[in-house]
Amino acid sequence: MSEATREPATARKGRGLMVLGPLALVCGAGSYAFVHLDPLGLLPQVAVAAPTSLEGEEAAGREIVQAGATRAGIAAFVEVPTIVISLPNPVETRHLRFSATLDVVPEAVEEVRAVVPRVQDILATYLSSISPSRLEQPAAMLTLRSQMMRRIALATGPDAVHGVLVTQFILE
């Protein structure tokens, strides 16, 4: 009698694998097709033109070198004025003195300068919400920079600012 009860349970396990295996393959193939074929047109389209001659290759190489020289040689910076923030601390009053310079695309300098007060407000709001103990951690600056960049991109546009250069970060 114990053998009779074991056989149907084993048979049920085998049927489950027979159904889940093909289902997993269909889901995997569907995911692959959705991402690589992009049926909804969600991914940006990138057109790559191959040079037709040696002269075309040289021209493409010159464009790449000029783009690199423009990025490396001409730097545009916009200064964010110093922000002094009162940090919440039940025992004593502490302040954070913060200033930064934004590494900006040369074509977007005027647009970024126009929104510096908004950037200043965004940074002050973000920095005032952080606990002092978190600011004192060794790896805090990496997290702060990435979070500040994310918030600055909301105010200036996604491609206008390349980086945040922290010029002053003092806990008093």
C-alpha atoms as a PDB file:
ATOM      1  CA  MET A   1       0.000   0.000   0.000  1.00  0.00           C
ATOM      2  CA  SER A   2       2.884   2.392   0.664  1.00  0.00           C
ATOM      3  CA  GLU A   3       4.218   1.805  -2.861  1.00  0.00           C
ATOM      4  CA  ALA A   4       0.849   2.697  -4.369  1.00  0.00           C
ATOM      5  CA  THR A   5       0.830   6.101  -2.669  1.00  0.00           C
ATOM      6  CA  ARG A   6       4.396   6.909  -3.740  1.00  0.00           C
ATOM      7  CA  GLU A   7       3.862   6.433  -7.460  1.00  0.00           C
ATOM      8  CA  PRO A   8       1.186   9.142  -8.015  1.00  0.00           C
ATOM      9  CA  ALA A   9       3.263  11.735  -6.112  1.00  0.00           C
ATOM     10  CA  THR A  10       6.289  10.970  -8.294  1.00  0.00           C
ATOM     11  CA  ALA A  11       4.161  11.172 -11.402  1.00  0.00           C
ATOM     12  CA  ARG A  12       2.834  14.591 -10.363  1.00  0.00           C
ATOM     13  CA  LYS A  13       6.370  15.951  -9.901  1.00  0.00           C
ATOM     14  CA  GLY A  14       7.329  14.786 -13.376  1.00  0.00           C
ATOM     15  CA  ARG A  15       4.295  16.500 -14.919  1.00  0.00           C
ATOM     16  CA  GLY A  16       5.146  19.771 -13.173  1.00  0.00           C
ATOM     17  CA  LEU A  17       8.639  19.757 -14.662  1.00  0.00           C
ATOM     18  CA  MET A  18       7.232  18.918 -18.072  1.00  0.00           C
ATOM     19  CA  VAL A  19       5.040  22.016 -17.896  1.00  0.00           C
ATOM     20  CA  LEU A  20       7.496  24.432 -16.212  1.00  0.00           C
ATOM     21  CA  GLY A  21      10.453  23.627 -18.488  1.00  0.00           C
ATOM     22  CA  PRO A  22       8.807  24.697 -21.772  1.00  0.00           C
ATOM     23  CA  LEU A  23       7.098  27.605 -20.001  1.00  0.00           C
ATOM     24  CA  ALA A  24      10.497  28.889 -18.822  1.00  0.00           C
ATOM     25  CA  LEU A  25      11.887  28.580 -22.353  1.00  0.00           C
ATOM     26  CA  VAL A  26       8.944  30.493 -23.837  1.00  0.00           C
ATOM     27  CA  CYS A  27       9.293  33.258 -21.214  1.00  0.00           C
ATOM     28  CA  GLY A  28      13.042  33.521 -21.837  1.00  0.00           C
ATOM     29  CA  ALA A  29      12.596  33.681 -25.608  1.00  0.00           C
ATOM     30  CA  GLY A  30       9.871  36.306 -25.217  1.00  0.00           C
ATOM     31  CA  SER A  31      12.064  38.441 -22.973  1.00  0.00           C
ATOM     32  CA  TYR A  32      14.960  38.198 -25.400  1.00  0.00           C
ATOM     33  CA  ALA A  33      12.738  39.139 -28.338  1.00  0.00           C
ATOM     34  CA  PHE A  34      11.189  42.053 -26.450  1.00  0.00           C
ATOM     35  CA  VAL A  35      14.534  43.565 -25.499  1.00  0.00           C
ATOM     36  CA  HIS A  36      16.462  42.949 -28.727  1.00  0.00           C
ATOM     37  CA  LEU A  37      13.719  43.431 -31.308  1.00  0.00           C
ATOM     38  CA  ASP A  38      12.137  46.401 -29.471  1.00  0.00           C
ATOM     39  CA  PRO A  39       8.570  45.991 -30.744  1.00  0.00           C
ATOM     40  CA  LEU A  40       7.327  49.102 -28.880  1.00  0.00           C
ATOM     41  CA  GLY A  41      10.183  51.340 -30.075  1.00  0.00           C
ATOM     42  CA  LEU A  42      11.341  52.197 -26.539  1.00  0.00           C
ATOM     43  CA  LEU A  43      15.087  51.980 -27.152  1.00  0.00           C
ATOM     44  CA  PRO A  44      16.907  54.871 -28.859  1.00  0.00           C
ATOM     45  CA  GLN A  45      17.801  54.213 -32.468  1.00  0.00           C
ATOM     46  CA  VAL A  46      21.486  54.506 -33.320  1.00  0.00           C
ATOM     47  CA  ALA A  47      22.489  54.782 -36.931  1.00  0.00           C
ATOM     48  CA  VAL A  48      26.016  53.730 -37.794  1.00  0.00           C
ATOM     49  CA  ALA A  49      27.300  54.706 -41.207  1.00  0.00           C
ATOM     50  CA  ALA A  50      30.320  52.866 -42.523  1.00  0.00           C
ATOM     51  CA  PRO A  51      32.858  54.942 -44.434  1.00  0.00           C
ATOM     52  CA  THR A  52      32.920  54.155 -48.133  1.00  0.00           C
ATOM     53  CA  SER A  53      36.558  54.920 -48.777  1.00  0.00           C
ATOM     54  CA  LEU A  54      39.861  55.559 -47.080  1.00  0.00           C
ATOM     55  CA  GLU A  55      39.155  59.279 -47.253  1.00  0.00           C
ATOM     56  CA  GLY A  56      35.873  58.706 -45.362  1.00  0.00           C
ATOM     57  CA  GLU A  57      37.738  56.778 -42.676  1.00  0.00           C
ATOM     58  CA  GLU A  58      40.228  59.630 -42.254  1.00  0.00           C
ATOM     59  CA  ALA A  59      37.384  62.150 -41.978  1.00  0.00           C
ATOM     60  CA  ALA A  60      35.641  60.020 -39.351  1.00  0.00           C
ATOM     61  CA  GLY A  61      38.916  59.744 -37.439  1.00  0.00           C
ATOM     62  CA  ARG A  62      39.394  63.516 -37.544  1.00  0.00           C
ATOM     63  CA  GLU A  63      35.874  64.059 -36.198  1.00  0.00           C
ATOM     64  CA  ILE A  64      36.535  61.706 -33.295  1.00  0.00           C
ATOM     65  CA  VAL A  65      39.842  63.430 -32.475  1.00  0.00           C
ATOM     66  CA  GLN A  66      38.211  66.876 -32.671  1.00  0.00           C
ATOM     67  CA  ALA A  67      35.373  65.759 -30.396  1.00  0.00           C
ATOM     68  CA  GLY A  68      37.895  64.447 -27.873  1.00  0.00           C
ATOM     69  CA  ALA A  69      39.940  67.644 -28.079  1.00  0.00           C
ATOM     70  CA  THR A  70      36.827  69.735 -27.582  1.00  0.00           C
ATOM     71  CA  ARG A  71      35.885  67.754 -24.491  1.00  0.00           C
ATOM     72  CA  ALA A  72      39.412  67.729 -23.049  1.00  0.00           C
ATOM     73  CA  GLY A  73      40.640  71.145 -24.175  1.00  0.00           C
ATOM     74  CA  ILE A  74      37.666  73.419 -23.637  1.00  0.00           C
ATOM     75  CA  ALA A  75      36.142  73.114 -20.221  1.00  0.00           C
ATOM     76  CA  ALA A  76      33.114  75.053 -19.094  1.00  0.00           C
ATOM     77  CA  PHE A  77      32.327  75.448 -15.434  1.00  0.00           C
ATOM     78  CA  VAL A  78      29.457  77.070 -13.588  1.00  0.00           C
ATOM     79  CA  GLU A  79      29.925  77.880  -9.928  1.00  0.00           C
ATOM     80  CA  VAL A  80      27.217  77.121  -7.374  1.00  0.00           C
ATOM     81  CA  PRO A  81      27.367  79.641  -4.498  1.00  0.00           C
ATOM     82  CA  THR A  82      28.148  78.435  -0.978  1.00  0.00           C
ATOM     83  CA  ILE A  83      25.267  76.861   0.909  1.00  0.00           C
ATOM     84  CA  VAL A  84      25.208  76.740   4.724  1.00  0.00           C
ATOM     85  CA  ILE A  85      22.824  74.137   6.122  1.00  0.00           C
ATOM     86  CA  SER A  86      21.795  73.543   9.729  1.00  0.00           C
ATOM     87  CA  LEU A  87      21.975  69.833  10.409  1.00  0.00           C
ATOM     88  CA  PRO A  88      19.536  68.183  12.787  1.00  0.00           C
ATOM     89  CA  ASN A  89      21.323  67.202  15.984  1.00  0.00           C
ATOM     90  CA  PRO A  90      19.581  67.004  19.391  1.00  0.00           C
ATOM     91  CA  VAL A  91      22.739  67.693  21.424  1.00  0.00           C
ATOM     92  CA  GLU A  92      24.389  70.572  19.572  1.00  0.00           C
ATOM     93  CA  THR A  93      23.795  72.687  16.494  1.00  0.00           C
ATOM     94  CA  ARG A  94      25.961  71.654  13.560  1.00  0.00           C
ATOM     95  CA  HIS A  95      26.319  73.221  10.156  1.00  0.00           C
ATOM     96  CA  LEU A  96      27.427  72.001   6.761  1.00  0.00           C
ATOM     97  CA  ARG A  97      29.192  74.509   4.542  1.00  0.00           C
ATOM     98  CA  PHE A  98      28.982  73.303   0.938  1.00  0.00           C
ATOM     99  CA  SER A  99      29.967  74.778  -2.402  1.00  0.00           C
ATOM    100  CA  ALA A 100      30.453  73.188  -5.783  1.00  0.00           C
ATOM    101  CA  THR A 101      31.310  73.835  -9.388  1.00  0.00           C
ATOM    102  CA  LEU A 102      29.409  72.144 -12.203  1.00  0.00           C
ATOM    103  CA  ASP A 103      31.281  70.701 -15.189  1.00  0.00           C
ATOM    104  CA  VAL A 104      29.003  71.833 -18.027  1.00  0.00           C
ATOM    105  CA  VAL A 105      28.775  71.198 -21.763  1.00  0.00           C
ATOM    106  CA  PRO A 106      30.142  74.410 -23.376  1.00  0.00           C
ATOM    107  CA  GLU A 107      26.950  74.929 -25.398  1.00  0.00           C
ATOM    108  CA  ALA A 108      24.751  74.784 -22.279  1.00  0.00           C
ATOM    109  CA  VAL A 109      26.578  77.265 -20.034  1.00  0.00           C
ATOM    110  CA  GLU A 110      23.971  80.027 -20.287  1.00  0.00           C
ATOM    111  CA  GLU A 111      21.061  77.641 -19.715  1.00  0.00           C
ATOM    112  CA  VAL A 112      22.746  76.188 -16.625  1.00  0.00           C
ATOM    113  CA  ARG A 113      23.606  79.645 -15.254  1.00  0.00           C
ATOM    114  CA  ALA A 114      19.948  80.585 -15.597  1.00  0.00           C
ATOM    115  CA  VAL A 115      18.868  77.711 -13.318  1.00  0.00           C
ATOM    116  CA  VAL A 116      21.631  77.977 -10.675  1.00  0.00           C
ATOM    117  CA  PRO A 117      19.140  79.211  -8.008  1.00  0.00           C
ATOM    118  CA  ARG A 118      17.024  76.117  -8.663  1.00  0.00           C
ATOM    119  CA  VAL A 119      20.124  73.896  -8.438  1.00  0.00           C
ATOM    120  CA  GLN A 120      21.070  75.602  -5.190  1.00  0.00           C
ATOM    121  CA  ASP A 121      17.599  74.917  -3.768  1.00  0.00           C
ATOM    122  CA  ILE A 122      17.692  71.275  -4.876  1.00  0.00           C
ATOM    123  CA  LEU A 123      21.101  70.738  -3.266  1.00  0.00           C
ATOM    124  CA  ALA A 124      20.122  72.513  -0.031  1.00  0.00           C
ATOM    125  CA  THR A 125      16.954  70.428   0.255  1.00  0.00           C
ATOM    126  CA  TYR A 126      18.821  67.184  -0.395  1.00  0.00           C
ATOM    127  CA  LEU A 127      21.748  67.920   1.939  1.00  0.00           C
ATOM    128  CA  SER A 128      19.487  69.054   4.787  1.00  0.00           C
ATOM    129  CA  SER A 129      17.665  65.724   4.707  1.00  0.00           C
ATOM    130  CA  ILE A 130      20.831  63.702   5.359  1.00  0.00           C
ATOM    131  CA  SER A 131      21.804  62.780   8.911  1.00  0.00           C
ATOM    132  CA  PRO A 132      25.198  64.032  10.163  1.00  0.00           C
ATOM    133  CA  SER A 133      26.345  60.483  10.964  1.00  0.00           C
ATOM    134  CA  ARG A 134      25.861  59.537   7.314  1.00  0.00           C
ATOM    135  CA  LEU A 135      27.862  62.570   6.165  1.00  0.00           C
ATOM    136  CA  GLU A 136      30.816  61.482   8.293  1.00  0.00           C
ATOM    137  CA  GLN A 137      31.120  58.048   6.650  1.00  0.00           C
ATOM    138  CA  PRO A 138      34.205  57.529   4.439  1.00  0.00           C
ATOM    139  CA  ALA A 139      32.248  56.553   1.308  1.00  0.00           C
ATOM    140  CA  ALA A 140      29.612  59.252   1.705  1.00  0.00           C
ATOM    141  CA  MET A 141      31.060  61.521  -0.971  1.00  0.00           C
ATOM    142  CA  LEU A 142      30.536  58.946  -3.742  1.00  0.00           C
ATOM    143  CA  THR A 143      26.885  58.525  -2.826  1.00  0.00           C
ATOM    144  CA  LEU A 144      26.404  62.267  -2.399  1.00  0.00           C
ATOM    145  CA  ARG A 145      27.894  63.048  -5.813  1.00  0.00           C
ATOM    146  CA  SER A 146      25.737  60.533  -7.637  1.00  0.00           C
ATOM    147  CA  GLN A 147      22.581  61.678  -5.851  1.00  0.00           C
ATOM    148  CA  MET A 148      23.419  65.330  -6.504  1.00  0.00           C
ATOM    149  CA  MET A 149      24.065  64.625 -10.194  1.00  0.00           C
ATOM    150  CA  ARG A 150      20.715  62.867 -10.455  1.00  0.00           C
ATOM    151  CA  ARG A 151      18.917  65.828  -8.902  1.00  0.00           C
ATOM    152  CA  ILE A 152      20.844  68.439 -10.895  1.00  0.00           C
ATOM    153  CA  ALA A 153      19.953  66.629 -14.127  1.00  0.00           C
ATOM    154  CA  LEU A 154      16.284  67.169 -13.274  1.00  0.00           C
ATOM    155  CA  ALA A 155      16.828  70.929 -13.189  1.00  0.00           C
ATOM    156  CA  THR A 156      19.300  71.367 -16.047  1.00  0.00           C
ATOM    157  CA  GLY A 157      18.435  68.538 -18.413  1.00  0.00           C
ATOM    158  CA  PRO A 158      20.035  65.107 -18.711  1.00  0.00           C
ATOM    159  CA  ASP A 159      23.025  66.045 -20.901  1.00  0.00           C
ATOM    160  CA  ALA A 160      23.927  69.570 -19.783  1.00  0.00           C
ATOM    161  CA  VAL A 161      26.107  68.732 -16.747  1.00  0.00           C
ATOM    162  CA  HIS A 162      28.943  66.193 -16.809  1.00  0.00           C
ATOM    163  CA  GLY A 163      29.910  66.295 -13.169  1.00  0.00           C
ATOM    164  CA  VAL A 164      29.798  67.939  -9.769  1.00  0.00           C
ATOM    165  CA  LEU A 165      33.128  69.191  -8.469  1.00  0.00           C
ATOM    166  CA  VAL A 166      32.861  69.686  -4.712  1.00  0.00           C
ATOM    167  CA  THR A 167      34.975  72.701  -3.775  1.00  0.00           C
ATOM    168  CA  GLN A 168      33.947  73.006  -0.123  1.00  0.00           C
ATOM    169  CA  PHE A 169      32.462  70.416   2.247  1.00  0.00           C
ATOM    170  CA  ILE A 170      32.936  71.401   5.882  1.00  0.00           C
ATOM    171  CA  LEU A 171      31.053  70.094   8.918  1.00  0.00           C
ATOM    172  CA  GLU A 172      31.195  72.743  11.631  1.00  0.00           C
END
